[in-house]
Amino acid sequence: MDLKKFIADLAAGYRKLTGYEAGRKAGHDAGRAEGYEAGQKAGHDAGRAEGYEAGRKAGHDAGRAEGYEAGRKAGHDEAMTPPEPPPSPEP
């Protein structure tokens, strides 16, 4: 058992001397940063698409409401206009 522990301690010391641990940590941190950037971009793109859809729907609804109001006003004006008198018979 002492031989196994000695070899494990020796290997751990060698890793520290060669920078294995520092390189592993740097690689881990770089991977996390890259994953964060990819996740942030995906979230941004999804938010833009969702915002686009919401904006498109709001614009559509506003356009329909505006068209409704214009149609209602035109109908009201038409109803309030007195009818033209019938043409008088010519003698």
Protein backbone atom coordinates (compact mmCIF):
# COMPACT_ATOMS: atom_id res chain seq x y z
CA MET A 1 0.00 0.00 0.00
CA ASP A 2 2.80 2.42 0.74
CA LEU A 3 4.23 1.87 -2.71
CA LYS A 4 0.89 2.81 -4.35
CA LYS A 5 0.62 5.95 -2.25
CA PHE A 6 4.20 6.88 -3.04
CA ILE A 7 3.59 6.47 -6.78
CA ALA A 8 0.34 8.48 -6.60
CA ASP A 9 2.12 11.29 -4.71
CA LEU A 10 4.98 11.21 -7.19
CA ALA A 11 2.57 11.44 -10.15
CA ALA A 12 0.69 14.31 -8.50
CA GLY A 13 3.93 16.19 -7.95
CA TYR A 14 4.96 15.60 -11.55
CA ARG A 15 1.62 16.95 -12.79
CA LYS A 16 2.07 20.08 -10.74
CA LEU A 17 5.60 20.58 -12.06
CA THR A 18 4.58 20.18 -15.70
CA GLY A 19 1.65 22.51 -15.42
CA TYR A 20 -0.88 19.77 -16.12
CA GLU A 21 -3.25 21.06 -13.46
CA ALA A 22 -2.96 24.66 -14.64
CA GLY A 23 -3.53 23.62 -18.25
CA ARG A 24 -6.48 21.49 -17.31
CA LYS A 25 -8.02 24.37 -15.38
CA ALA A 26 -7.38 26.81 -18.24
CA GLY A 27 -9.00 24.38 -20.68
CA HIS A 28 -11.95 23.94 -18.37
CA ASP A 29 -12.40 27.70 -17.99
CA ALA A 30 -12.10 28.23 -21.75
CA GLY A 31 -14.72 25.56 -22.36
CA ARG A 32 -17.07 27.17 -19.89
CA ALA A 33 -16.57 30.60 -21.46
CA GLU A 34 -17.22 29.18 -24.93
CA GLY A 35 -20.34 27.43 -23.70
CA TYR A 36 -21.50 30.62 -22.01
CA GLU A 37 -21.03 32.59 -25.25
CA ALA A 38 -22.93 29.98 -27.25
CA GLY A 39 -25.75 29.94 -24.69
CA GLN A 40 -25.89 33.71 -24.59
CA LYS A 41 -26.10 33.92 -28.40
CA ALA A 42 -28.80 31.26 -28.54
CA GLY A 43 -30.79 33.08 -25.85
CA HIS A 44 -30.34 36.39 -27.65
CA ASP A 45 -31.50 34.92 -30.95
CA ALA A 46 -34.51 33.28 -29.30
CA GLY A 47 -35.39 36.56 -27.57
CA ARG A 48 -35.16 38.45 -30.85
CA ALA A 49 -37.37 35.91 -32.61
CA GLU A 50 -39.88 36.04 -29.76
CA GLY A 51 -39.79 39.84 -29.75
CA TYR A 52 -40.22 39.88 -33.53
CA GLU A 53 -43.29 37.66 -33.30
CA ALA A 54 -44.77 39.76 -30.49
CA GLY A 55 -44.09 42.97 -32.43
CA ARG A 56 -45.55 41.54 -35.61
CA LYS A 57 -48.70 40.47 -33.77
CA ALA A 58 -49.03 43.87 -32.08
CA GLY A 59 -48.61 45.62 -35.43
CA HIS A 60 -51.16 43.31 -37.03
CA ASP A 61 -53.65 43.90 -34.25
CA ALA A 62 -53.09 47.68 -34.41
CA GLY A 63 -53.58 47.62 -38.17
CA ARG A 64 -56.80 45.68 -37.85
CA ALA A 65 -58.06 48.05 -35.16
CA GLU A 66 -57.13 51.05 -37.29
CA GLY A 67 -58.88 49.53 -40.30
CA TYR A 68 -61.91 48.77 -38.17
CA GLU A 69 -62.07 52.38 -36.97
CA ALA A 70 -61.71 53.74 -40.52
CA GLY A 71 -64.43 51.39 -41.78
CA ARG A 72 -66.73 52.28 -38.91
CA LYS A 73 -66.22 55.99 -39.54
CA ALA A 74 -66.84 55.61 -43.27
CA GLY A 75 -70.00 53.63 -42.57
CA HIS A 76 -71.16 56.21 -40.06
CA ASP A 77 -70.50 59.07 -42.45
CA GLU A 78 -72.33 57.22 -45.21
CA ALA A 79 -75.31 56.67 -42.95
CA MET A 80 -75.37 60.30 -41.84
CA THR A 81 -75.25 61.72 -45.38
CA PRO A 82 -78.74 62.60 -46.54
CA PRO A 83 -79.83 60.70 -49.61
CA GLU A 84 -79.78 62.51 -52.93
CA PRO A 85 -83.18 63.67 -54.06
CA PRO A 86 -84.58 61.68 -56.93
CA PRO A 87 -84.16 63.31 -60.31
CA SER A 88 -87.08 65.47 -61.26
CA PRO A 89 -89.06 64.37 -64.28
CA GLU A 90 -88.36 66.45 -67.31
CA PRO A 91 -91.43 68.07 -68.95
